């Protein structure tokens, strides 16, 4: 005889639950203060919202099934028509045995009450308590084999329905991150348009159409939540930004120039850093026509290559010869001293002479990850390059992209040989 547990998978419409979750997400983004949404790091806010709104699918731990309790029970047999009972409209109790199986699980317990797009007209019964599915039995004459078989059958029914629920949830969870980014950026775009600041979203540059490509080459179990990132409450000020398309083009031109250097090592074997920089400036200024200055790409003081707009640096590239991990940290520190605006695009070009190039490549990501302003590494398809996100000193929401490109320049010149530090 089976006890009367709760009827599962029939209380809520899962489709409406998912729709409601998406609506709540949009409502929260719409409630954010204007200056907060414009100042906060999109990626950091996305991590918080994804953690909050992702619906944790159900995962059973069948290897941890156990008997939670067993013992005597008073069993109502008034509806057992194999027994002679004169007043069936009243409970009639006799002594029997109760057994409760516990199946631990991870995930949002409310999903056990949601009906998926595929469902049964005879849903299973059980009790859901504190991360456990409790399957209860009450028997007057308990038979272990019978109880075990019935438990396994009911558990299989529950697992089948859980599979339908998880399948319906998968598209929502898989697309949640991209949906959040789209909603955040949509809100930001609207705020910027409302205040007439669309021009601040991109730094206008146009590629010269008549320049040959000289160096072109083929090309919801609840857990400790992620807290909402903090952002300055100061009014948002629009800032010039170098867009990613032009940033990628600049990196490509630099990379293609280095290929020429690598293929002609005898020409560049004794070149100094300042002279090496000039080769990049010639190619960059030949490829782009600047709108802010006579030469868009120039260098000032110790800064190797930079773009300035409204008196602010929005692109900086530094060149260095590899002298060990500490030299890279020092170079990042030097570069950070030039930066003051958000969404700045940066690059560090590392030239390797007379060293184990593969060993140097292994050191680069680990070295940058140890830097005090490191936030995360970005997937970047380059055989000897890496890309990272750092934050400005004192403000984790003001992010910058750092691309580190390493190049091997063979040389026999003893004057340029250095010892790794």
Protein backbone atom coordinates (compact mmCIF):
# COMPACT_ATOMS: atom_id res chain seq x y z
CA UNK A 1 0.00 0.00 0.00
CA UNK A 2 1.41 3.41 -1.00
CA UNK A 3 1.01 6.50 1.14
CA UNK A 4 -0.57 9.66 -0.21
CA UNK A 5 2.43 11.85 -1.13
CA UNK A 6 2.20 15.04 -3.18
CA UNK A 7 1.30 14.85 -6.84
CA UNK A 8 4.33 16.04 -8.82
CA UNK A 9 4.82 17.82 -12.18
CA UNK A 10 1.29 19.25 -12.48
CA UNK A 11 1.03 22.44 -10.39
CA UNK A 12 2.73 25.03 -12.66
CA UNK A 13 3.18 25.43 -16.41
CA UNK A 14 6.97 25.33 -16.96
CA UNK A 15 6.69 27.42 -20.12
CA UNK A 16 5.11 30.27 -18.15
CA UNK A 17 7.71 29.88 -15.37
CA UNK A 18 10.53 30.35 -17.90
CA UNK A 19 8.73 33.31 -19.49
CA UNK A 20 8.25 34.89 -16.06
CA UNK A 21 11.95 34.45 -15.27
CA UNK A 22 12.88 36.33 -18.43
CA UNK A 23 10.43 39.13 -17.61
CA UNK A 24 11.85 39.50 -14.09
CA UNK A 25 15.34 39.75 -15.55
CA UNK A 26 14.29 42.56 -17.89
CA UNK A 27 12.47 44.36 -15.07
CA UNK A 28 15.56 44.28 -12.86
CA UNK A 29 17.78 45.68 -15.62
CA UNK A 30 15.20 48.42 -16.29
CA UNK A 31 15.19 49.35 -12.57
CA UNK A 32 18.92 50.03 -12.43
CA UNK A 33 19.88 53.66 -11.99
CA UNK A 34 20.98 55.37 -15.22
CA UNK A 35 24.50 56.18 -14.03
CA UNK A 36 24.93 52.72 -12.52
CA UNK A 37 24.14 50.90 -15.76
CA UNK A 38 26.40 53.24 -17.77
CA UNK A 39 29.34 52.95 -15.37
CA UNK A 40 29.23 49.29 -14.35
CA UNK A 41 31.27 46.55 -16.04
CA UNK A 42 28.88 44.69 -18.35
CA UNK A 43 30.72 41.40 -17.82
CA UNK A 44 30.68 41.67 -14.02
CA UNK A 45 26.98 42.54 -13.96
CA UNK A 46 26.30 39.69 -16.37
CA UNK A 47 27.95 37.19 -14.00
CA UNK A 48 25.72 38.41 -11.15
CA UNK A 49 22.50 38.27 -13.19
CA UNK A 50 23.29 34.90 -14.74
CA UNK A 51 23.87 33.45 -11.28
CA UNK A 52 20.60 34.96 -10.06
CA UNK A 53 18.29 34.03 -12.94
CA UNK A 54 19.70 30.75 -14.20
CA UNK A 55 17.28 27.97 -13.24
CA UNK A 56 19.25 25.14 -11.68
CA UNK A 57 18.27 21.88 -13.38
CA UNK A 58 17.67 18.77 -11.26
CA UNK A 59 20.48 16.25 -10.85
CA UNK A 60 19.89 13.10 -8.80
CA UNK A 61 22.57 11.49 -6.63
CA UNK A 62 21.41 7.91 -6.91
CA UNK A 63 24.64 6.64 -5.36
CA UNK A 64 23.51 8.34 -2.11
CA UNK A 65 20.03 6.81 -1.84
CA UNK A 66 19.28 5.66 1.69
CA UNK A 67 16.42 4.58 3.98
CA UNK A 68 15.52 7.75 5.83
CA UNK A 69 13.17 6.14 8.32
CA UNK A 70 11.19 2.98 9.01
CA UNK A 71 9.04 1.65 11.79
CA UNK A 72 5.50 1.05 13.02
CA UNK A 73 2.62 2.92 11.45
CA UNK A 74 -1.14 3.14 11.90
CA UNK A 75 -2.54 2.42 8.44
CA UNK A 76 -6.06 3.36 7.35
CA UNK A 77 -7.51 0.32 5.49
CA UNK A 78 -11.07 1.63 5.19
CA UNK A 79 -10.80 1.60 1.40
CA UNK A 80 -9.30 -1.87 1.17
CA UNK A 81 -12.27 -3.79 -0.21
CA UNK A 82 -10.59 -7.13 0.43
CA UNK A 83 -11.30 -6.54 4.11
CA UNK A 84 -14.62 -6.81 5.87
CA UNK A 85 -15.32 -3.34 7.22
CA UNK A 86 -18.84 -2.22 8.08
CA UNK A 87 -18.32 1.57 8.24
CA UNK A 88 -16.16 2.58 5.30
CA UNK A 89 -17.04 6.23 5.66
CA UNK A 90 -14.82 6.32 8.75
CA UNK A 91 -11.05 5.58 9.05
CA UNK A 92 -10.21 2.07 10.15
CA UNK A 93 -6.63 1.74 11.39
CA UNK A 94 -4.52 -1.35 11.88
CA UNK A 95 -0.83 -1.62 12.73
CA UNK A 96 1.63 -1.89 9.86
CA UNK A 97 5.11 -0.77 8.74
CA UNK A 98 6.25 2.52 7.18
CA UNK A 99 9.39 2.88 5.02
CA UNK A 100 10.75 6.14 3.52
CA UNK A 101 13.39 6.18 0.78
CA UNK A 102 15.47 9.33 0.32
CA UNK A 103 16.96 10.36 -3.04
CA UNK A 104 19.26 13.42 -2.66
CA UNK A 105 19.35 15.90 -5.55
CA UNK A 106 20.80 19.23 -6.64
CA UNK A 107 18.70 21.84 -8.42
CA UNK A 108 15.64 24.01 -7.91
CA UNK A 109 13.09 22.01 -5.88
CA UNK A 110 10.18 24.00 -7.37
CA UNK A 111 10.81 22.25 -10.69
CA UNK A 112 9.25 19.08 -9.25
CA UNK A 113 5.90 20.89 -9.39
CA UNK A 114 6.28 22.17 -12.98
CA UNK A 115 4.70 20.47 -15.97
CA UNK A 116 7.00 20.25 -18.98
CA UNK A 117 5.97 20.25 -22.64
CA UNK A 118 6.07 16.44 -22.48
CA UNK A 119 4.10 15.05 -19.56
CA UNK A 120 2.00 12.14 -18.31
CA UNK A 121 -1.65 12.15 -17.28
CA UNK A 122 -0.68 9.98 -14.29
CA UNK A 123 2.17 11.92 -12.66
CA UNK A 124 4.20 10.27 -9.88
CA UNK A 125 3.88 11.09 -6.19
CA UNK A 126 6.57 11.87 -3.63
CA UNK A 127 7.53 14.46 -1.01
CA UNK A 128 10.20 17.11 -1.71
CA UNK A 129 11.99 18.18 1.47
CA UNK A 130 15.35 19.94 1.91
CA UNK A 131 17.07 18.68 -1.23
CA UNK A 132 15.67 15.18 -1.00
CA UNK A 133 12.93 13.29 -2.84
CA UNK A 134 11.14 11.20 -0.22
CA UNK A 135 9.25 8.15 -1.47
CA UNK A 136 7.01 6.75 1.25
CA UNK A 137 5.48 3.31 1.64
CA UNK A 138 3.04 1.93 4.22
CA UNK A 139 2.42 -1.81 4.22
CA UNK A 140 0.36 -4.02 6.51
CA UNK A 141 2.35 -7.09 5.47
CA UNK A 142 5.65 -5.69 4.17
CA UNK A 143 7.46 -7.58 1.43
CA UNK A 144 11.01 -6.27 0.86
CA UNK A 145 11.22 -7.37 -2.80
CA UNK A 146 7.84 -5.86 -3.59
CA UNK A 147 8.68 -2.56 -1.89
CA UNK A 148 12.07 -2.32 -3.64
CA UNK A 149 10.56 -2.97 -7.07
CA UNK A 150 7.81 -0.43 -6.49
CA UNK A 151 10.33 2.17 -5.30
CA UNK A 152 12.50 1.66 -8.39
CA UNK A 153 9.44 1.98 -10.65
CA UNK A 154 8.33 5.22 -9.01
CA UNK A 155 11.83 6.64 -9.09
CA UNK A 156 12.09 5.82 -12.82
CA UNK A 157 8.80 7.69 -13.40
CA UNK A 158 10.13 10.71 -11.51
CA UNK A 159 13.42 10.64 -13.42
CA UNK A 160 11.54 10.52 -16.73
CA UNK A 161 9.57 13.65 -15.88
CA UNK A 162 12.69 15.40 -14.59
CA UNK A 163 14.34 14.69 -17.94
CA UNK A 164 11.46 16.46 -19.73
CA UNK A 165 11.76 19.46 -17.38
CA UNK A 166 15.55 19.72 -17.82
CA UNK A 167 15.22 19.50 -21.60
CA UNK A 168 12.74 22.40 -21.62
CA UNK A 169 15.07 24.47 -19.42
CA UNK A 170 18.22 23.90 -21.44
CA UNK A 171 17.56 26.49 -24.22
CA UNK A 172 16.77 29.19 -21.62
CA UNK A 173 19.89 28.51 -19.56
CA UNK A 174 22.18 28.12 -22.59
CA UNK A 175 21.11 31.46 -24.09
CA UNK A 176 20.86 33.33 -20.77
CA UNK A 177 24.28 34.97 -20.88
CA UNK A 178 23.89 36.31 -24.41
CA UNK A 179 20.35 37.44 -23.55
CA UNK A 180 21.59 39.35 -20.49
CA UNK A 181 24.33 41.07 -22.47
CA UNK A 182 21.81 42.04 -25.14
CA UNK A 183 19.38 43.44 -22.55
CA UNK A 184 22.09 45.40 -20.71
CA UNK A 185 23.50 46.85 -23.92
CA UNK A 186 19.98 47.62 -25.12
CA UNK A 187 19.33 49.62 -21.97
CA UNK A 188 22.66 51.42 -22.26
CA UNK A 189 22.04 52.27 -25.93
CA UNK A 190 18.62 53.69 -25.12
CA UNK A 191 20.00 55.82 -22.29
CA UNK A 192 22.77 57.15 -24.50
CA UNK A 193 20.36 57.95 -27.34
CA UNK A 194 17.97 59.62 -24.93
CA UNK A 195 20.75 61.97 -23.89
CA UNK A 196 22.15 62.59 -27.36
CA UNK A 197 25.44 60.78 -26.75
CA UNK A 198 25.49 58.26 -29.57
CA UNK A 199 28.68 59.78 -30.95
CA UNK A 200 30.52 58.74 -27.79
CA UNK A 201 30.15 55.04 -28.58
CA UNK A 202 32.84 54.87 -31.27
CA UNK A 203 36.06 56.58 -32.25
CA UNK A 204 35.72 57.57 -35.91
CA UNK A 205 38.55 56.26 -38.06
CA UNK A 206 38.47 55.36 -41.72
CA UNK A 207 40.87 53.05 -43.41
CA UNK A 208 42.69 54.50 -46.39
CA UNK A 209 41.22 52.85 -49.49
CA UNK A 210 44.20 53.42 -51.79
CA UNK A 211 46.89 51.79 -49.62
CA UNK A 212 48.05 48.33 -50.77
CA UNK A 213 48.06 45.58 -48.12
CA UNK A 214 51.84 45.20 -48.32
CA UNK A 215 52.13 42.83 -45.41
CA UNK A 216 48.78 41.03 -45.62
CA UNK A 217 48.82 37.29 -44.95
CA UNK A 218 46.02 34.68 -45.43
CA UNK A 219 43.74 34.97 -42.92
CA UNK A 220 18.16 26.50 -9.56
CA UNK A 221 19.78 24.78 -6.53
CA UNK A 222 20.43 27.89 -4.45
CA UNK A 223 24.01 28.57 -3.52
CA UNK A 224 25.97 31.52 -2.19
CA UNK A 225 24.93 34.19 -4.70
CA UNK A 226 27.30 36.30 -6.78
CA UNK A 227 26.88 39.81 -5.42
CA UNK A 228 25.85 42.63 -7.71
CA UNK A 229 28.99 44.58 -8.72
CA UNK A 230 29.45 48.04 -7.28
CA UNK A 231 29.73 51.05 -9.57
CA UNK A 232 30.33 54.73 -9.04
CA UNK A 233 27.21 56.84 -8.51
CA UNK A 234 28.86 59.83 -10.20
CA UNK A 235 27.11 61.08 -13.34
CA UNK A 236 28.17 59.19 -16.44
CA UNK A 237 30.43 61.19 -18.76
CA UNK A 238 30.64 60.08 -22.41
CA UNK A 239 34.13 59.13 -23.51
CA UNK A 240 35.76 58.45 -26.89
CA UNK A 241 36.20 54.75 -27.59
CA UNK A 242 38.26 52.86 -30.14
CA UNK A 243 35.88 50.27 -31.60
CA UNK A 244 36.90 46.60 -31.76
CA UNK A 245 36.95 46.44 -35.55
CA UNK A 246 39.66 49.09 -35.81
CA UNK A 247 41.46 47.66 -32.78
CA UNK A 248 41.65 44.25 -34.48
CA UNK A 249 42.88 45.90 -37.70
CA UNK A 250 45.65 47.72 -35.82
CA UNK A 251 46.75 44.46 -34.17
CA UNK A 252 46.75 42.73 -37.58
CA UNK A 253 48.93 45.43 -39.16
CA UNK A 254 51.38 45.15 -36.28
CA UNK A 255 51.45 41.34 -36.55
CA UNK A 256 51.99 41.45 -40.31
CA UNK A 257 54.89 43.86 -39.88
CA UNK A 258 56.56 41.50 -37.44
CA UNK A 259 56.31 38.69 -39.99
CA UNK A 260 58.53 40.78 -42.25
CA UNK A 261 61.00 41.22 -39.40
CA UNK A 262 61.01 37.49 -38.69
CA UNK A 263 61.65 36.69 -42.35
CA UNK A 264 64.58 39.13 -42.58
CA UNK A 265 66.44 38.62 -39.27
CA UNK A 266 69.77 39.82 -40.70
CA UNK A 267 68.24 43.23 -41.40
CA UNK A 268 66.83 43.71 -37.90
CA UNK A 269 69.27 41.72 -35.76
CA UNK A 270 70.94 44.80 -34.20
CA UNK A 271 67.94 47.15 -34.27
CA UNK A 272 67.19 49.13 -31.13
CA UNK A 273 63.73 49.40 -29.58
CA UNK A 274 63.27 53.04 -30.66
CA UNK A 275 64.12 52.22 -34.27
CA UNK A 276 61.90 49.15 -34.23
CA UNK A 277 59.01 51.33 -33.12
CA UNK A 278 59.42 53.58 -36.15
CA UNK A 279 58.77 50.68 -38.54
CA UNK A 280 55.37 50.14 -36.93
CA UNK A 281 54.52 53.85 -36.99
CA UNK A 282 55.24 54.06 -40.72
CA UNK A 283 52.92 51.16 -41.51
CA UNK A 284 50.14 52.27 -39.18
CA UNK A 285 50.08 55.87 -40.35
CA UNK A 286 50.18 54.62 -43.94
CA UNK A 287 47.13 52.44 -43.41
CA UNK A 288 44.99 54.91 -41.44
CA UNK A 289 44.00 58.52 -41.89
CA UNK A 290 43.59 60.15 -38.51
CA UNK A 291 40.93 62.67 -37.59
CA UNK A 292 42.38 63.94 -34.30
CA UNK A 293 45.95 64.77 -35.29
CA UNK A 294 48.13 65.01 -38.37
CA UNK A 295 49.50 61.56 -37.54
CA UNK A 296 47.04 59.29 -35.77
CA UNK A 297 49.87 57.04 -34.60
CA UNK A 298 52.71 58.79 -32.83
CA UNK A 299 54.82 58.42 -29.74
CA UNK A 300 55.49 60.75 -26.85
CA UNK A 301 58.12 60.28 -24.17
CA UNK A 302 58.42 56.62 -23.14
CA UNK A 303 55.07 55.67 -24.67
CA UNK A 304 55.73 53.66 -27.81
CA UNK A 305 52.59 53.98 -29.94
CA UNK A 306 49.42 55.79 -28.96
CA UNK A 307 46.19 57.35 -30.21
CA UNK A 308 44.87 60.45 -28.51
CA UNK A 309 41.37 61.91 -28.67
CA UNK A 310 40.27 65.01 -26.76
CA UNK A 311 43.59 64.96 -24.96
CA UNK A 312 43.11 61.38 -23.71
CA UNK A 313 44.90 58.17 -24.65
CA UNK A 314 42.51 55.56 -26.07
CA UNK A 315 45.08 53.20 -27.60
CA UNK A 316 48.54 52.46 -26.29
CA UNK A 317 51.03 49.90 -27.49
CA UNK A 318 54.33 49.19 -25.77
CA UNK A 319 57.34 47.38 -27.21
CA UNK A 320 59.81 45.39 -25.14
CA UNK A 321 62.58 42.83 -25.44
CA UNK A 322 61.95 39.82 -23.20
CA UNK A 323 64.11 39.82 -20.08
CA UNK A 324 61.96 37.54 -17.96
CA UNK A 325 58.58 37.64 -16.24
CA UNK A 326 59.43 40.67 -14.10
CA UNK A 327 60.15 42.74 -17.20
CA UNK A 328 56.59 42.08 -18.42
CA UNK A 329 55.07 43.11 -15.07
CA UNK A 330 57.17 46.28 -15.13
CA UNK A 331 56.02 47.04 -18.66
CA UNK A 332 52.34 46.62 -17.72
CA UNK A 333 52.89 48.90 -14.73
CA UNK A 334 54.47 51.50 -17.00
CA UNK A 335 51.59 51.26 -19.46
CA UNK A 336 48.94 51.55 -16.72
CA UNK A 337 50.43 54.87 -15.76
CA UNK A 338 49.32 56.34 -19.09
CA UNK A 339 45.70 55.20 -18.90
CA UNK A 340 42.80 57.18 -17.50
CA UNK A 341 39.72 56.45 -19.62
CA UNK A 342 37.39 53.45 -19.77
CA UNK A 343 37.28 50.87 -22.55
CA UNK A 344 40.88 51.63 -23.51
CA UNK A 345 42.47 49.22 -25.96
CA UNK A 346 46.12 48.35 -25.34
CA UNK A 347 48.83 46.05 -26.65
CA UNK A 348 52.28 44.92 -25.58
CA UNK A 349 54.69 43.62 -28.24
CA UNK A 350 57.34 41.28 -26.88
CA UNK A 351 60.42 40.51 -28.96
CA UNK A 352 62.43 37.44 -28.09
CA UNK A 353 66.14 37.13 -28.86
CA UNK A 354 68.33 34.10 -28.18
CA UNK A 355 65.89 32.47 -25.76
CA UNK A 356 63.62 29.44 -25.66
CA UNK A 357 60.56 30.92 -27.37
CA UNK A 358 58.10 28.20 -26.32
CA UNK A 359 59.18 28.54 -22.69
CA UNK A 360 58.64 32.30 -22.89
CA UNK A 361 55.13 31.79 -24.34
CA UNK A 362 54.19 29.58 -21.39
CA UNK A 363 55.24 32.29 -18.94
CA UNK A 364 53.17 35.11 -20.46
CA UNK A 365 49.61 34.13 -19.36
CA UNK A 366 50.70 33.05 -15.89
CA UNK A 367 52.61 36.30 -15.43
CA UNK A 368 49.68 38.51 -16.50
CA UNK A 369 47.26 36.55 -14.29
CA UNK A 370 49.42 37.43 -11.28
CA UNK A 371 49.17 41.14 -12.04
CA UNK A 372 47.22 43.09 -9.42
CA UNK A 373 44.67 44.49 -11.92
CA UNK A 374 43.97 41.21 -13.76
CA UNK A 375 40.27 40.29 -14.17
CA UNK A 376 40.07 37.51 -16.76
CA UNK A 377 41.62 36.00 -19.87
CA UNK A 378 39.74 36.18 -23.18
CA UNK A 379 39.76 33.47 -25.82
CA UNK A 380 42.08 34.75 -28.56
CA UNK A 381 43.07 32.90 -31.71
CA UNK A 382 46.74 33.71 -32.26
CA UNK A 383 49.66 31.30 -32.34
CA UNK A 384 51.85 33.52 -30.15
CA UNK A 385 49.39 35.99 -28.62
CA UNK A 386 47.09 36.31 -25.62
CA UNK A 387 44.28 38.66 -24.67
CA UNK A 388 43.24 39.78 -21.19
CA UNK A 389 40.88 42.15 -19.42
CA UNK A 390 42.43 44.35 -16.74
CA UNK A 391 40.79 47.01 -14.62
CA UNK A 392 41.91 50.52 -13.97
CA UNK A 393 43.62 51.04 -10.63
CA UNK A 394 41.02 51.81 -7.96
CA UNK A 395 37.96 51.00 -10.11
CA UNK A 396 37.12 47.43 -11.16
CA UNK A 397 34.34 48.64 -13.47
CA UNK A 398 36.70 50.62 -15.68
CA UNK A 399 38.08 47.85 -17.87
CA UNK A 400 40.71 47.77 -20.57
CA UNK A 401 41.69 45.12 -23.10
CA UNK A 402 45.33 44.06 -23.19
CA UNK A 403 46.63 42.05 -26.13
CA UNK A 404 50.10 40.58 -25.63
CA UNK A 405 51.85 39.50 -28.83
CA UNK A 406 55.18 37.67 -28.73
CA UNK A 407 57.57 37.39 -31.67
CA UNK A 408 60.82 35.54 -32.14
CA UNK A 409 63.67 37.51 -33.72
CA UNK A 410 66.71 35.27 -34.18
CA UNK A 411 70.02 37.07 -33.83
CA UNK A 412 73.66 36.35 -33.15
CA UNK A 413 74.25 39.83 -31.79
CA UNK A 414 75.89 39.63 -28.37
CA UNK A 415 75.01 43.23 -27.68
CA UNK A 416 71.34 42.40 -27.46
CA UNK A 417 71.67 39.23 -25.40
CA UNK A 418 70.03 39.47 -21.96
CA UNK A 419 69.79 37.15 -19.00
CA UNK A 420 66.29 36.06 -17.90
CA UNK A 421 65.29 37.56 -14.60
